Amino acid sequence: MKRINLAIWIGLFIFGGLILQTFLQLELKKHGWDTRMEALGFISISAILYLICVILYQKGARFITYVLLFLIGVTATILAVMAPMLFQAY
């Protein structure tokens, strides 16, 4: 199996699990479709960025991939810390 196929399969399991977890944890009665669609939007954006990183890495642009992953990590950390201030509904 090629490396890119393995990375795509890993991504399918990761993001498929996140989607399943979103549907199991966010009950419609408590949170509604707005919260569920917001979570699914973030998951789909993350999946697209993961696919771009896999493709760039396989094309030989490893430095760009590392910089992109670093920026994604910093952004995720900042958003996790500042979520109560940014999203007052939570």
Protein backbone atom coordinates (compact mmCIF):
# COMPACT_ATOMS: atom_id res chain seq x y z
CA MET A 1 0.00 0.00 0.00
CA LYS A 2 1.33 3.42 -0.87
CA ARG A 3 2.10 5.89 1.87
CA ILE A 4 -0.46 8.41 0.67
CA ASN A 5 -3.17 5.74 0.73
CA LEU A 6 -2.25 4.86 4.31
CA ALA A 7 -2.36 8.51 5.36
CA ILE A 8 -5.76 8.95 3.71
CA TRP A 9 -7.11 5.84 5.47
CA ILE A 10 -5.82 7.15 8.80
CA GLY A 11 -7.55 10.47 8.10
CA LEU A 12 -10.79 8.70 7.21
CA PHE A 13 -10.79 6.85 10.53
CA ILE A 14 -9.88 9.99 12.51
CA PHE A 15 -12.43 12.31 10.93
CA GLY A 16 -15.08 9.59 10.63
CA GLY A 17 -14.72 9.01 14.36
CA LEU A 18 -15.02 12.72 15.04
CA ILE A 19 -18.21 12.91 13.00
CA LEU A 20 -19.65 9.91 14.84
CA GLN A 21 -18.66 11.43 18.17
CA THR A 22 -20.35 14.70 17.18
CA PHE A 23 -23.64 12.95 16.46
CA LEU A 24 -23.47 10.88 19.64
CA GLN A 25 -22.52 13.66 22.05
CA LEU A 26 -24.55 16.57 20.71
CA GLU A 27 -28.11 15.53 21.29
CA LEU A 28 -30.69 17.42 19.25
CA LYS A 29 -32.94 18.17 22.22
CA LYS A 30 -30.23 19.97 24.18
CA HIS A 31 -28.07 21.61 21.52
CA GLY A 32 -30.03 21.73 18.26
CA TRP A 33 -28.75 21.70 14.71
CA ASP A 34 -26.82 24.97 15.02
CA THR A 35 -24.25 23.55 17.41
CA ARG A 36 -24.04 20.29 15.47
CA MET A 37 -23.52 22.07 12.14
CA GLU A 38 -20.86 24.31 13.69
CA ALA A 39 -18.96 21.26 14.95
CA LEU A 40 -19.31 19.48 11.61
CA GLY A 41 -18.08 22.59 9.80
CA PHE A 42 -14.93 22.69 11.91
CA ILE A 43 -14.40 18.95 11.37
CA SER A 44 -14.77 19.28 7.59
CA ILE A 45 -12.36 22.24 7.46
CA SER A 46 -9.87 20.20 9.51
CA ALA A 47 -10.28 17.22 7.18
CA ILE A 48 -9.62 19.39 4.13
CA LEU A 49 -6.50 20.87 5.77
CA TYR A 50 -5.33 17.35 6.67
CA LEU A 51 -5.74 16.22 3.06
CA ILE A 52 -3.82 19.28 1.82
CA CYS A 53 -1.02 18.51 4.30
CA VAL A 54 -0.86 14.87 3.14
CA ILE A 55 -0.69 15.89 -0.52
CA LEU A 56 1.94 18.58 0.11
CA TYR A 57 4.04 16.18 2.17
CA GLN A 58 3.93 13.52 -0.53
CA LYS A 59 4.85 16.09 -3.22
CA GLY A 60 8.02 16.94 -1.32
CA ALA A 61 6.95 20.25 0.23
CA ARG A 62 7.72 19.08 3.73
CA PHE A 63 8.69 22.50 5.10
CA ILE A 64 5.39 24.02 4.00
CA THR A 65 3.55 21.09 5.57
CA TYR A 66 5.36 21.57 8.89
CA VAL A 67 4.66 25.31 8.89
CA LEU A 68 0.98 24.69 8.09
CA LEU A 69 0.67 22.08 10.84
CA PHE A 70 2.39 24.43 13.30
CA LEU A 71 -0.01 27.25 12.43
CA ILE A 72 -3.00 24.93 12.77
CA GLY A 73 -1.77 23.79 16.19
CA VAL A 74 -1.20 27.33 17.44
CA THR A 75 -4.61 28.43 16.16
CA ALA A 76 -6.34 25.44 17.77
CA THR A 77 -4.61 26.10 21.08
CA ILE A 78 -5.53 29.79 21.07
CA LEU A 79 -9.14 29.02 20.14
CA ALA A 80 -9.40 26.36 22.86
CA VAL A 81 -8.19 28.82 25.49
CA MET A 82 -10.25 31.77 24.23
CA ALA A 83 -13.46 29.86 23.38
CA PRO A 84 -15.41 31.13 26.41
CA MET A 85 -14.61 34.72 25.42
CA LEU A 86 -15.29 34.28 21.70
CA PHE A 87 -18.41 32.13 21.94
CA GLN A 88 -20.54 33.53 24.77
CA ALA A 89 -23.29 30.94 24.26
CA TYR A 90 -21.09 28.14 25.58
